[in-house]
Amino acid sequence: MQQVMIQDEWHRVMDGLNERNQRILALRRDGHTMREIASILNVTERTVQRVMEDVSHRHRQVAVVTASD
């Protein structure tokens, strides 16, 4: 049951992202470092970091709204 909930949340997060940002998250989930992701996608480490921060921030907002319902 918990794995299904995690998969549902993963899909919700991914649905709101463009293709590059989805790739960043997928690579991070697969265990790549931010430096490796930046190299693979030919972007800066800061870009990868910003995407991760943005997703984290949005995830916290959804959690707060869900908890207050």
C-alpha atoms as a PDB file:
ATOM      1  CA  MET A   1       0.000   0.000   0.000  1.00  0.00           C
ATOM      2  CA  GLN A   2       2.756   2.453   0.932  1.00  0.00           C
ATOM      3  CA  GLN A   3       4.618   1.705  -2.307  1.00  0.00           C
ATOM      4  CA  VAL A   4       1.479   2.533  -4.297  1.00  0.00           C
ATOM      5  CA  MET A   5       1.162   5.850  -2.462  1.00  0.00           C
ATOM      6  CA  ILE A   6       4.808   6.662  -3.198  1.00  0.00           C
ATOM      7  CA  GLN A   7       4.332   5.824  -6.876  1.00  0.00           C
ATOM      8  CA  ASP A   8       1.214   7.997  -7.027  1.00  0.00           C
ATOM      9  CA  GLU A   9       3.099  10.906  -5.475  1.00  0.00           C
ATOM     10  CA  TRP A  10       6.012  10.377  -7.881  1.00  0.00           C
ATOM     11  CA  HIS A  11       3.630  10.594 -10.845  1.00  0.00           C
ATOM     12  CA  ARG A  12       1.960  13.726  -9.462  1.00  0.00           C
ATOM     13  CA  VAL A  13       5.339  15.436  -9.097  1.00  0.00           C
ATOM     14  CA  MET A  14       6.509  14.348 -12.547  1.00  0.00           C
ATOM     15  CA  ASP A  15       3.294  15.452 -14.267  1.00  0.00           C
ATOM     16  CA  GLY A  16       3.946  19.068 -13.356  1.00  0.00           C
ATOM     17  CA  LEU A  17       7.473  19.180 -14.813  1.00  0.00           C
ATOM     18  CA  ASN A  18       8.932  19.690 -18.250  1.00  0.00           C
ATOM     19  CA  GLU A  19      10.913  16.894 -19.884  1.00  0.00           C
ATOM     20  CA  ARG A  20      14.356  18.131 -18.745  1.00  0.00           C
ATOM     21  CA  ASN A  21      13.262  18.481 -15.131  1.00  0.00           C
ATOM     22  CA  GLN A  22      11.646  15.038 -15.218  1.00  0.00           C
ATOM     23  CA  ARG A  23      14.960  13.645 -16.432  1.00  0.00           C
ATOM     24  CA  ILE A  24      16.810  15.416 -13.607  1.00  0.00           C
ATOM     25  CA  LEU A  25      14.514  13.836 -11.012  1.00  0.00           C
ATOM     26  CA  ALA A  26      14.692  10.407 -12.623  1.00  0.00           C
ATOM     27  CA  LEU A  27      18.492  10.500 -12.652  1.00  0.00           C
ATOM     28  CA  ARG A  28      18.563  11.640  -9.012  1.00  0.00           C
ATOM     29  CA  ARG A  29      16.161   8.851  -8.053  1.00  0.00           C
ATOM     30  CA  ASP A  30      18.503   6.421  -9.792  1.00  0.00           C
ATOM     31  CA  GLY A  31      21.326   7.534  -7.502  1.00  0.00           C
ATOM     32  CA  HIS A  32      23.270   9.997  -9.651  1.00  0.00           C
ATOM     33  CA  THR A  33      24.930  12.946  -7.955  1.00  0.00           C
ATOM     34  CA  MET A  34      24.058  16.494  -8.941  1.00  0.00           C
ATOM     35  CA  ARG A  35      27.447  16.779 -10.643  1.00  0.00           C
ATOM     36  CA  GLU A  36      26.805  13.617 -12.668  1.00  0.00           C
ATOM     37  CA  ILE A  37      23.326  14.800 -13.658  1.00  0.00           C
ATOM     38  CA  ALA A  38      24.697  18.156 -14.770  1.00  0.00           C
ATOM     39  CA  SER A  39      27.300  16.421 -16.902  1.00  0.00           C
ATOM     40  CA  ILE A  40      24.813  13.961 -18.431  1.00  0.00           C
ATOM     41  CA  LEU A  41      22.321  16.701 -19.332  1.00  0.00           C
ATOM     42  CA  ASN A  42      24.914  19.369 -20.174  1.00  0.00           C
ATOM     43  CA  VAL A  43      23.541  21.852 -17.631  1.00  0.00           C
ATOM     44  CA  THR A  44      25.128  23.485 -14.601  1.00  0.00           C
ATOM     45  CA  GLU A  45      25.076  21.912 -11.168  1.00  0.00           C
ATOM     46  CA  ARG A  46      23.208  25.015 -10.014  1.00  0.00           C
ATOM     47  CA  THR A  47      20.427  24.246 -12.509  1.00  0.00           C
ATOM     48  CA  VAL A  48      20.103  20.749 -11.087  1.00  0.00           C
ATOM     49  CA  GLN A  49      20.094  22.143  -7.556  1.00  0.00           C
ATOM     50  CA  ARG A  50      17.385  24.698  -8.423  1.00  0.00           C
ATOM     51  CA  VAL A  51      15.158  22.006  -9.912  1.00  0.00           C
ATOM     52  CA  MET A  52      15.574  19.857  -6.806  1.00  0.00           C
ATOM     53  CA  GLU A  53      14.802  22.821  -4.521  1.00  0.00           C
ATOM     54  CA  ASP A  54      11.741  23.782  -6.570  1.00  0.00           C
ATOM     55  CA  VAL A  55      10.342  20.260  -6.490  1.00  0.00           C
ATOM     56  CA  SER A  56      11.016  20.001  -2.763  1.00  0.00           C
ATOM     57  CA  HIS A  57       9.282  23.329  -2.141  1.00  0.00           C
ATOM     58  CA  ARG A  58       6.238  22.354  -4.223  1.00  0.00           C
ATOM     59  CA  HIS A  59       6.043  18.966  -2.513  1.00  0.00           C
ATOM     60  CA  ARG A  60       5.991  20.647   0.926  1.00  0.00           C
ATOM     61  CA  GLN A  61       3.204  23.000  -0.207  1.00  0.00           C
ATOM     62  CA  VAL A  62       1.090  20.061  -1.395  1.00  0.00           C
ATOM     63  CA  ALA A  63       1.709  18.235   1.891  1.00  0.00           C
ATOM     64  CA  VAL A  64       0.586  21.250   3.928  1.00  0.00           C
ATOM     65  CA  VAL A  65      -2.581  21.738   1.865  1.00  0.00           C
ATOM     66  CA  THR A  66      -3.378  18.018   2.028  1.00  0.00           C
ATOM     67  CA  ALA A  67      -2.849  17.937   5.800  1.00  0.00           C
ATOM     68  CA  SER A  68      -5.182  20.882   6.332  1.00  0.00           C
ATOM     69  CA  ASP A  69      -8.048  19.277   4.343  1.00  0.00           C
END
